[in-house]
Amino acid sequence: MSPSKGVTGAAHLDLTEVQTKLAQVRSLVSIPIGVGFGIRDTQTAKAISKLADAVVIGSRIIEEIEKTSENSLLETLGDLVSTIRKAIDEPH
């Protein structure tokens, strides 16, 4: 099995490739699997949540931390995470 090519927070995410890689990984392990490459918005998070057991968001959160003032950081991150969580929880 070759590794998935990508950079955390990449602009393009090939869902077909993710689905193929997840099937390969699932054939080898029986633990929950999270995906954390290329997830930057609610649409991508929701799409990944249909395929994986967990959605991991890293680069997008780091970007928000870097550009947001300390005074509004918790509110900004809370809004981002709750918006993504709400999208994931919507019926598929």
PDB file of N, CA and C in Angstrom:
ATOM      1  N   MET A   1       0.855  -1.169   0.000  1.00  0.00           N
ATOM      2  CA  MET A   1       0.000   0.000   0.000  1.00  0.00           C
ATOM      3  C   MET A   1       0.900   1.230   0.000  1.00  0.00           C
ATOM      4  N   SER A   2       0.717   2.082  -0.991  1.00  0.00           N
ATOM      5  CA  SER A   2       1.510   3.305  -1.047  1.00  0.00           C
ATOM      6  C   SER A   2       0.844   4.381  -0.201  1.00  0.00           C
ATOM      7  N   PRO A   3       1.623   5.286   0.363  1.00  0.00           N
ATOM      8  CA  PRO A   3       1.028   6.346   1.186  1.00  0.00           C
ATOM      9  C   PRO A   3       0.211   7.304   0.345  1.00  0.00           C
ATOM     10  N   SER A   4      -0.781   7.900   0.973  1.00  0.00           N
ATOM     11  CA  SER A   4      -1.583   8.911   0.299  1.00  0.00           C
ATOM     12  C   SER A   4      -0.744  10.169   0.140  1.00  0.00           C
ATOM     13  N   LYS A   5      -0.779  10.735  -1.041  1.00  0.00           N
ATOM     14  CA  LYS A   5      -0.025  11.964  -1.286  1.00  0.00           C
ATOM     15  C   LYS A   5      -0.883  13.139  -0.866  1.00  0.00           C
ATOM     16  N   GLY A   6      -0.283  14.061  -0.156  1.00  0.00           N
ATOM     17  CA  GLY A   6      -1.037  15.233   0.237  1.00  0.00           C
ATOM     18  C   GLY A   6      -0.302  16.038   1.274  1.00  0.00           C
ATOM     19  N   VAL A   7      -0.767  17.215   1.445  1.00  0.00           N
ATOM     20  CA  VAL A   7      -0.235  18.126   2.448  1.00  0.00           C
ATOM     21  C   VAL A   7      -1.393  18.508   3.342  1.00  0.00           C
ATOM     22  N   THR A   8      -1.148  18.530   4.636  1.00  0.00           N
ATOM     23  CA  THR A   8      -2.205  18.928   5.548  1.00  0.00           C
ATOM     24  C   THR A   8      -2.764  20.278   5.111  1.00  0.00           C
ATOM     25  N   GLY A   9      -4.074  20.350   4.994  1.00  0.00           N
ATOM     26  CA  GLY A   9      -4.711  21.594   4.580  1.00  0.00           C
ATOM     27  C   GLY A   9      -4.655  21.827   3.085  1.00  0.00           C
ATOM     28  N   ALA A  10      -4.352  20.797   2.311  1.00  0.00           N
ATOM     29  CA  ALA A  10      -4.254  20.945   0.864  1.00  0.00           C
ATOM     30  C   ALA A  10      -5.561  21.465   0.280  1.00  0.00           C
ATOM     31  N   ALA A  11      -5.456  22.195  -0.806  1.00  0.00           N
ATOM     32  CA  ALA A  11      -6.630  22.821  -1.416  1.00  0.00           C
ATOM     33  C   ALA A  11      -7.534  21.800  -2.118  1.00  0.00           C
ATOM     34  N   HIS A  12      -6.964  20.703  -2.588  1.00  0.00           N
ATOM     35  CA  HIS A  12      -7.750  19.719  -3.325  1.00  0.00           C
ATOM     36  C   HIS A  12      -7.700  18.382  -2.610  1.00  0.00           C
ATOM     37  N   LEU A  13      -8.843  17.784  -2.399  1.00  0.00           N
ATOM     38  CA  LEU A  13      -8.927  16.493  -1.738  1.00  0.00           C
ATOM     39  C   LEU A  13      -9.688  15.549  -2.655  1.00  0.00           C
ATOM     40  N   ASP A  14      -9.053  14.471  -3.052  1.00  0.00           N
ATOM     41  CA  ASP A  14      -9.662  13.474  -3.926  1.00  0.00           C
ATOM     42  C   ASP A  14     -10.396  12.453  -3.058  1.00  0.00           C
ATOM     43  N   LEU A  15     -11.710  12.583  -2.959  1.00  0.00           N
ATOM     44  CA  LEU A  15     -12.497  11.721  -2.088  1.00  0.00           C
ATOM     45  C   LEU A  15     -12.458  10.262  -2.534  1.00  0.00           C
ATOM     46  N   THR A  16     -12.324  10.023  -3.819  1.00  0.00           N
ATOM     47  CA  THR A  16     -12.222   8.656  -4.311  1.00  0.00           C
ATOM     48  C   THR A  16     -10.937   8.014  -3.810  1.00  0.00           C
ATOM     49  N   GLU A  17      -9.849   8.771  -3.845  1.00  0.00           N
ATOM     50  CA  GLU A  17      -8.572   8.255  -3.333  1.00  0.00           C
ATOM     51  C   GLU A  17      -8.657   8.020  -1.824  1.00  0.00           C
ATOM     52  N   VAL A  18      -9.296   8.934  -1.111  1.00  0.00           N
ATOM     53  CA  VAL A  18      -9.456   8.761   0.337  1.00  0.00           C
ATOM     54  C   VAL A  18     -10.235   7.486   0.618  1.00  0.00           C
ATOM     55  N   GLN A  19     -11.309   7.266  -0.102  1.00  0.00           N
ATOM     56  CA  GLN A  19     -12.138   6.080   0.095  1.00  0.00           C
ATOM     57  C   GLN A  19     -11.332   4.802  -0.189  1.00  0.00           C
ATOM     58  N   THR A  20     -10.530   4.823  -1.236  1.00  0.00           N
ATOM     59  CA  THR A  20      -9.687   3.672  -1.580  1.00  0.00           C
ATOM     60  C   THR A  20      -8.656   3.402  -0.487  1.00  0.00           C
ATOM     61  N   LYS A  21      -7.995   4.452  -0.025  1.00  0.00           N
ATOM     62  CA  LYS A  21      -6.974   4.299   1.024  1.00  0.00           C
ATOM     63  C   LYS A  21      -7.604   3.813   2.326  1.00  0.00           C
ATOM     64  N   LEU A  22      -8.772   4.331   2.657  1.00  0.00           N
ATOM     65  CA  LEU A  22      -9.439   3.882   3.880  1.00  0.00           C
ATOM     66  C   LEU A  22      -9.772   2.398   3.808  1.00  0.00           C
ATOM     67  N   ALA A  23     -10.237   1.935   2.667  1.00  0.00           N
ATOM     68  CA  ALA A  23     -10.529   0.509   2.507  1.00  0.00           C
ATOM     69  C   ALA A  23      -9.263  -0.325   2.703  1.00  0.00           C
ATOM     70  N   GLN A  24      -8.145   0.157   2.169  1.00  0.00           N
ATOM     71  CA  GLN A  24      -6.876  -0.559   2.339  1.00  0.00           C
ATOM     72  C   GLN A  24      -6.468  -0.607   3.811  1.00  0.00           C
ATOM     73  N   VAL A  25      -6.575   0.515   4.490  1.00  0.00           N
ATOM     74  CA  VAL A  25      -6.202   0.575   5.903  1.00  0.00           C
ATOM     75  C   VAL A  25      -7.147  -0.305   6.731  1.00  0.00           C
ATOM     76  N   ARG A  26      -8.436  -0.237   6.452  1.00  0.00           N
ATOM     77  CA  ARG A  26      -9.410  -1.038   7.204  1.00  0.00           C
ATOM     78  C   ARG A  26      -9.175  -2.530   7.035  1.00  0.00           C
ATOM     79  N   SER A  27      -8.597  -2.927   5.917  1.00  0.00           N
ATOM     80  CA  SER A  27      -8.303  -4.355   5.720  1.00  0.00           C
ATOM     81  C   SER A  27      -7.147  -4.814   6.606  1.00  0.00           C
ATOM     82  N   LEU A  28      -6.405  -3.858   7.164  1.00  0.00           N
ATOM     83  CA  LEU A  28      -5.233  -4.179   7.980  1.00  0.00           C
ATOM     84  C   LEU A  28      -5.439  -3.956   9.480  1.00  0.00           C
ATOM     85  N   VAL A  29      -6.379  -3.103   9.849  1.00  0.00           N
ATOM     86  CA  VAL A  29      -6.592  -2.770  11.256  1.00  0.00           C
ATOM     87  C   VAL A  29      -8.075  -2.803  11.598  1.00  0.00           C
ATOM     88  N   SER A  30      -8.359  -2.912  12.881  1.00  0.00           N
ATOM     89  CA  SER A  30      -9.761  -2.936  13.309  1.00  0.00           C
ATOM     90  C   SER A  30     -10.076  -1.798  14.277  1.00  0.00           C
ATOM     91  N   ILE A  31      -9.274  -0.749  14.237  1.00  0.00           N
ATOM     92  CA  ILE A  31      -9.501   0.408  15.096  1.00  0.00           C
ATOM     93  C   ILE A  31     -10.144   1.531  14.277  1.00  0.00           C
ATOM     94  N   PRO A  32     -10.778   2.490  14.931  1.00  0.00           N
ATOM     95  CA  PRO A  32     -11.345   3.631  14.194  1.00  0.00           C
ATOM     96  C   PRO A  32     -10.252   4.398  13.446  1.00  0.00           C
ATOM     97  N   ILE A  33     -10.620   4.939  12.298  1.00  0.00           N
ATOM     98  CA  ILE A  33      -9.657   5.635  11.446  1.00  0.00           C
ATOM     99  C   ILE A  33     -10.125   7.072  11.228  1.00  0.00           C
ATOM    100  N   GLY A  34      -9.217   8.012  11.451  1.00  0.00           N
ATOM    101  CA  GLY A  34      -9.497   9.424  11.220  1.00  0.00           C
ATOM    102  C   GLY A  34      -8.763   9.917   9.991  1.00  0.00           C
ATOM    103  N   VAL A  35      -9.345  10.897   9.336  1.00  0.00           N
ATOM    104  CA  VAL A  35      -8.730  11.523   8.164  1.00  0.00           C
ATOM    105  C   VAL A  35      -8.509  12.989   8.495  1.00  0.00           C
ATOM    106  N   GLY A  36      -7.303  13.476   8.186  1.00  0.00           N
ATOM    107  CA  GLY A  36      -6.981  14.853   8.523  1.00  0.00           C
ATOM    108  C   GLY A  36      -6.186  15.575   7.470  1.00  0.00           C
ATOM    109  N   PHE A  37      -6.337  15.208   6.225  1.00  0.00           N
ATOM    110  CA  PHE A  37      -5.649  15.905   5.136  1.00  0.00           C
ATOM    111  C   PHE A  37      -6.674  16.636   4.285  1.00  0.00           C
ATOM    112  N   GLY A  38      -6.459  17.928   4.087  1.00  0.00           N
ATOM    113  CA  GLY A  38      -7.302  18.695   3.173  1.00  0.00           C
ATOM    114  C   GLY A  38      -8.643  19.124   3.709  1.00  0.00           C
ATOM    115  N   ILE A  39      -8.860  19.024   5.002  1.00  0.00           N
ATOM    116  CA  ILE A  39     -10.162  19.395   5.560  1.00  0.00           C
ATOM    117  C   ILE A  39     -10.093  20.842   6.024  1.00  0.00           C
ATOM    118  N   ARG A  40     -10.775  21.707   5.281  1.00  0.00           N
ATOM    119  CA  ARG A  40     -10.682  23.141   5.539  1.00  0.00           C
ATOM    120  C   ARG A  40     -12.040  23.803   5.770  1.00  0.00           C
ATOM    121  N   ASP A  41     -13.110  23.089   5.448  1.00  0.00           N
ATOM    122  CA  ASP A  41     -14.428  23.723   5.516  1.00  0.00           C
ATOM    123  C   ASP A  41     -15.498  22.696   5.855  1.00  0.00           C
ATOM    124  N   THR A  42     -16.724  23.189   6.034  1.00  0.00           N
ATOM    125  CA  THR A  42     -17.828  22.309   6.420  1.00  0.00           C
ATOM    126  C   THR A  42     -18.139  21.264   5.355  1.00  0.00           C
ATOM    127  N   GLN A  43     -18.087  21.661   4.104  1.00  0.00           N
ATOM    128  CA  GLN A  43     -18.413  20.728   3.020  1.00  0.00           C
ATOM    129  C   GLN A  43     -17.445  19.544   2.995  1.00  0.00           C
ATOM    130  N   THR A  44     -16.172  19.817   3.105  1.00  0.00           N
ATOM    131  CA  THR A  44     -15.169  18.754   3.084  1.00  0.00           C
ATOM    132  C   THR A  44     -15.271  17.898   4.344  1.00  0.00           C
ATOM    133  N   ALA A  45     -15.470  18.529   5.490  1.00  0.00           N
ATOM    134  CA  ALA A  45     -15.603  17.782   6.740  1.00  0.00           C
ATOM    135  C   ALA A  45     -16.793  16.829   6.674  1.00  0.00           C
ATOM    136  N   LYS A  46     -17.897  17.305   6.137  1.00  0.00           N
ATOM    137  CA  LYS A  46     -19.082  16.449   6.023  1.00  0.00           C
ATOM    138  C   LYS A  46     -18.823  15.281   5.070  1.00  0.00           C
ATOM    139  N   ALA A  47     -18.171  15.548   3.954  1.00  0.00           N
ATOM    140  CA  ALA A  47     -17.862  14.485   2.992  1.00  0.00           C
ATOM    141  C   ALA A  47     -16.952  13.431   3.618  1.00  0.00           C
ATOM    142  N   ILE A  48     -15.939  13.870   4.351  1.00  0.00           N
ATOM    143  CA  ILE A  48     -15.018  12.934   5.001  1.00  0.00           C
ATOM    144  C   ILE A  48     -15.725  12.159   6.104  1.00  0.00           C
ATOM    145  N   SER A  49     -16.649  12.804   6.808  1.00  0.00           N
ATOM    146  CA  SER A  49     -17.348  12.121   7.897  1.00  0.00           C
ATOM    147  C   SER A  49     -18.179  10.945   7.399  1.00  0.00           C
ATOM    148  N   LYS A  50     -18.528  10.962   6.117  1.00  0.00           N
ATOM    149  CA  LYS A  50     -19.266   9.843   5.525  1.00  0.00           C
ATOM    150  C   LYS A  50     -18.349   8.647   5.265  1.00  0.00           C
ATOM    151  N   LEU A  51     -17.047   8.909   5.192  1.00  0.00           N
ATOM    152  CA  LEU A  51     -16.080   7.869   4.843  1.00  0.00           C
ATOM    153  C   LEU A  51     -15.279   7.361   6.035  1.00  0.00           C
ATOM    154  N   ALA A  52     -14.883   8.268   6.915  1.00  0.00           N
ATOM    155  CA  ALA A  52     -13.972   7.932   8.008  1.00  0.00           C
ATOM    156  C   ALA A  52     -14.704   7.928   9.350  1.00  0.00           C
ATOM    157  N   ASP A  53     -14.023   7.404  10.352  1.00  0.00           N
ATOM    158  CA  ASP A  53     -14.588   7.378  11.700  1.00  0.00           C
ATOM    159  C   ASP A  53     -14.375   8.691  12.438  1.00  0.00           C
ATOM    160  N   ALA A  54     -13.408   9.472  11.973  1.00  0.00           N
ATOM    161  CA  ALA A  54     -13.108  10.747  12.625  1.00  0.00           C
ATOM    162  C   ALA A  54     -12.631  11.750  11.586  1.00  0.00           C
ATOM    163  N   VAL A  55     -12.905  13.006  11.846  1.00  0.00           N
ATOM    164  CA  VAL A  55     -12.463  14.108  10.993  1.00  0.00           C
ATOM    165  C   VAL A  55     -11.469  14.927  11.813  1.00  0.00           C
ATOM    166  N   VAL A  56     -10.272  15.129  11.260  1.00  0.00           N
ATOM    167  CA  VAL A  56      -9.218  15.853  11.964  1.00  0.00           C
ATOM    168  C   VAL A  56      -8.946  17.147  11.214  1.00  0.00           C
ATOM    169  N   ILE A  57      -9.033  18.261  11.924  1.00  0.00           N
ATOM    170  CA  ILE A  57      -8.801  19.562  11.300  1.00  0.00           C
ATOM    171  C   ILE A  57      -7.622  20.211  12.002  1.00  0.00           C
ATOM    172  N   GLY A  58      -6.560  20.476  11.264  1.00  0.00           N
ATOM    173  CA  GLY A  58      -5.364  21.044  11.860  1.00  0.00           C
ATOM    174  C   GLY A  58      -4.970  22.372  11.273  1.00  0.00           C
ATOM    175  N   SER A  59      -4.582  22.375  10.012  1.00  0.00           N
ATOM    176  CA  SER A  59      -4.060  23.591   9.379  1.00  0.00           C
ATOM    177  C   SER A  59      -5.047  24.741   9.427  1.00  0.00           C
ATOM    178  N   ARG A  60      -6.307  24.459   9.209  1.00  0.00           N
ATOM    179  CA  ARG A  60      -7.321  25.519   9.223  1.00  0.00           C
ATOM    180  C   ARG A  60      -7.404  26.172  10.592  1.00  0.00           C
ATOM    181  N   ILE A  61      -7.325  25.375  11.637  1.00  0.00           N
ATOM    182  CA  ILE A  61      -7.370  25.927  12.992  1.00  0.00           C
ATOM    183  C   ILE A  61      -6.127  26.757  13.267  1.00  0.00           C
ATOM    184  N   ILE A  62      -4.972  26.276  12.840  1.00  0.00           N
ATOM    185  CA  ILE A  62      -3.721  27.028  13.017  1.00  0.00           C
ATOM    186  C   ILE A  62      -3.810  28.371  12.289  1.00  0.00           C
ATOM    187  N   GLU A  63      -4.348  28.373  11.069  1.00  0.00           N
ATOM    188  CA  GLU A  63      -4.515  29.620  10.320  1.00  0.00           C
ATOM    189  C   GLU A  63      -5.389  30.608  11.093  1.00  0.00           C
ATOM    190  N   GLU A  64      -6.471  30.111  11.666  1.00  0.00           N
ATOM    191  CA  GLU A  64      -7.367  30.983  12.435  1.00  0.00           C
ATOM    192  C   GLU A  64      -6.643  31.546  13.658  1.00  0.00           C
ATOM    193  N   ILE A  65      -5.846  30.727  14.312  1.00  0.00           N
ATOM    194  CA  ILE A  65      -5.083  31.188  15.476  1.00  0.00           C
ATOM    195  C   ILE A  65      -4.117  32.299  15.073  1.00  0.00           C
ATOM    196  N   GLU A  66      -3.452  32.113  13.945  1.00  0.00           N
ATOM    197  CA  GLU A  66      -2.462  33.092  13.487  1.00  0.00           C
ATOM    198  C   GLU A  66      -3.080  34.428  13.094  1.00  0.00           C
ATOM    199  N   LYS A  67      -4.292  34.411  12.563  1.00  0.00           N
ATOM    200  CA  LYS A  67      -4.860  35.661  12.058  1.00  0.00           C
ATOM    201  C   LYS A  67      -5.875  36.322  12.985  1.00  0.00           C
ATOM    202  N   THR A  68      -6.193  35.670  14.093  1.00  0.00           N
ATOM    203  CA  THR A  68      -7.214  36.193  14.981  1.00  0.00           C
ATOM    204  C   THR A  68      -6.575  36.813  16.220  1.00  0.00           C
ATOM    205  N   SER A  69      -7.134  37.926  16.679  1.00  0.00           N
ATOM    206  CA  SER A  69      -6.609  38.570  17.884  1.00  0.00           C
ATOM    207  C   SER A  69      -6.889  37.691  19.102  1.00  0.00           C
ATOM    208  N   GLU A  70      -6.053  37.847  20.100  1.00  0.00           N
ATOM    209  CA  GLU A  70      -6.182  37.047  21.316  1.00  0.00           C
ATOM    210  C   GLU A  70      -7.545  37.247  21.972  1.00  0.00           C
ATOM    211  N   ASN A  71      -8.066  38.461  21.883  1.00  0.00           N
ATOM    212  CA  ASN A  71      -9.343  38.781  22.524  1.00  0.00           C
ATOM    213  C   ASN A  71     -10.523  38.010  21.936  1.00  0.00           C
ATOM    214  N   SER A  72     -10.459  37.682  20.660  1.00  0.00           N
ATOM    215  CA  SER A  72     -11.597  36.995  20.031  1.00  0.00           C
ATOM    216  C   SER A  72     -11.265  35.572  19.586  1.00  0.00           C
ATOM    217  N   LEU A  73     -10.112  35.082  19.991  1.00  0.00           N
ATOM    218  CA  LEU A  73      -9.662  33.765  19.529  1.00  0.00           C
ATOM    219  C   LEU A  73     -10.604  32.644  19.936  1.00  0.00           C
ATOM    220  N   LEU A  74     -10.977  32.574  21.200  1.00  0.00           N
ATOM    221  CA  LEU A  74     -11.851  31.490  21.644  1.00  0.00           C
ATOM    222  C   LEU A  74     -13.200  31.513  20.939  1.00  0.00           C
ATOM    223  N   GLU A  75     -13.741  32.694  20.756  1.00  0.00           N
ATOM    224  CA  GLU A  75     -15.028  32.808  20.064  1.00  0.00           C
ATOM    225  C   GLU A  75     -14.899  32.373  18.600  1.00  0.00           C
ATOM    226  N   THR A  76     -13.839  32.822  17.946  1.00  0.00           N
ATOM    227  CA  THR A  76     -13.621  32.478  16.540  1.00  0.00           C
ATOM    228  C   THR A  76     -13.449  30.970  16.362  1.00  0.00           C
ATOM    229  N   LEU A  77     -12.612  30.367  17.187  1.00  0.00           N
ATOM    230  CA  LEU A  77     -12.394  28.916  17.087  1.00  0.00           C
ATOM    231  C   LEU A  77     -13.649  28.146  17.467  1.00  0.00           C
ATOM    232  N   GLY A  78     -14.348  28.621  18.481  1.00  0.00           N
ATOM    233  CA  GLY A  78     -15.600  27.974  18.875  1.00  0.00           C
ATOM    234  C   GLY A  78     -16.622  27.997  17.757  1.00  0.00           C
ATOM    235  N   ASP A  79     -16.739  29.138  17.076  1.00  0.00           N
ATOM    236  CA  ASP A  79     -17.663  29.260  15.945  1.00  0.00           C
ATOM    237  C   ASP A  79     -17.273  28.316  14.815  1.00  0.00           C
ATOM    238  N   LEU A  80     -15.980  28.274  14.502  1.00  0.00           N
ATOM    239  CA  LEU A  80     -15.498  27.399  13.424  1.00  0.00           C
ATOM    240  C   LEU A  80     -15.807  25.944  13.737  1.00  0.00           C
ATOM    241  N   VAL A  81     -15.428  25.506  14.907  1.00  0.00           N
ATOM    242  CA  VAL A  81     -15.615  24.105  15.283  1.00  0.00           C
ATOM    243  C   VAL A  81     -17.098  23.749  15.372  1.00  0.00           C
ATOM    244  N   SER A  82     -17.907  24.618  15.949  1.00  0.00           N
ATOM    245  CA  SER A  82     -19.331  24.296  16.066  1.00  0.00           C
ATOM    246  C   SER A  82     -20.019  24.277  14.703  1.00  0.00           C
ATOM    247  N   THR A  83     -19.604  25.143  13.800  1.00  0.00           N
ATOM    248  CA  THR A  83     -20.173  25.133  12.441  1.00  0.00           C
ATOM    249  C   THR A  83     -19.826  23.837  11.724  1.00  0.00           C
ATOM    250  N   ILE A  84     -18.591  23.410  11.850  1.00  0.00           N
ATOM    251  CA  ILE A  84     -18.166  22.157  11.215  1.00  0.00           C
ATOM    252  C   ILE A  84     -18.880  20.984  11.875  1.00  0.00           C
ATOM    253  N   ARG A  85     -18.959  20.976  13.185  1.00  0.00           N
ATOM    254  CA  ARG A  85     -19.633  19.899  13.911  1.00  0.00           C
ATOM    255  C   ARG A  85     -21.093  19.804  13.491  1.00  0.00           C
ATOM    256  N   LYS A  86     -21.754  20.941  13.368  1.00  0.00           N
ATOM    257  CA  LYS A  86     -23.159  20.965  12.954  1.00  0.00           C
ATOM    258  C   LYS A  86     -23.326  20.363  11.557  1.00  0.00           C
ATOM    259  N   ALA A  87     -22.431  20.695  10.647  1.00  0.00           N
ATOM    260  CA  ALA A  87     -22.484  20.149   9.291  1.00  0.00           C
ATOM    261  C   ALA A  87     -22.291  18.645   9.299  1.00  0.00           C
ATOM    262  N   ILE A  88     -21.375  18.164  10.122  1.00  0.00           N
ATOM    263  CA  ILE A  88     -21.120  16.728  10.210  1.00  0.00           C
ATOM    264  C   ILE A  88     -22.342  16.000  10.781  1.00  0.00           C
ATOM    265  N   ASP A  89     -22.996  16.625  11.738  1.00  0.00           N
ATOM    266  CA  ASP A  89     -24.144  15.992  12.393  1.00  0.00           C
ATOM    267  C   ASP A  89     -25.424  15.998  11.560  1.00  0.00           C
ATOM    268  N   GLU A  90     -25.461  16.806  10.498  1.00  0.00           N
ATOM    269  CA  GLU A  90     -26.636  16.806   9.633  1.00  0.00           C
ATOM    270  C   GLU A  90     -26.789  15.437   9.004  1.00  0.00           C
ATOM    271  N   PRO A  91     -28.031  15.000   8.797  1.00  0.00           N
ATOM    272  CA  PRO A  91     -28.226  13.685   8.172  1.00  0.00           C
ATOM    273  C   PRO A  91     -27.515  13.599   6.814  1.00  0.00           C
ATOM    274  N   HIS A  92     -26.917  12.463   6.565  1.00  0.00           N
ATOM    275  CA  HIS A  92     -26.190  12.236   5.314  1.00  0.00           C
ATOM    276  C   HIS A  92     -27.180  12.106   4.216  1.00  0.00           C
TER     277      HIS A  92
END
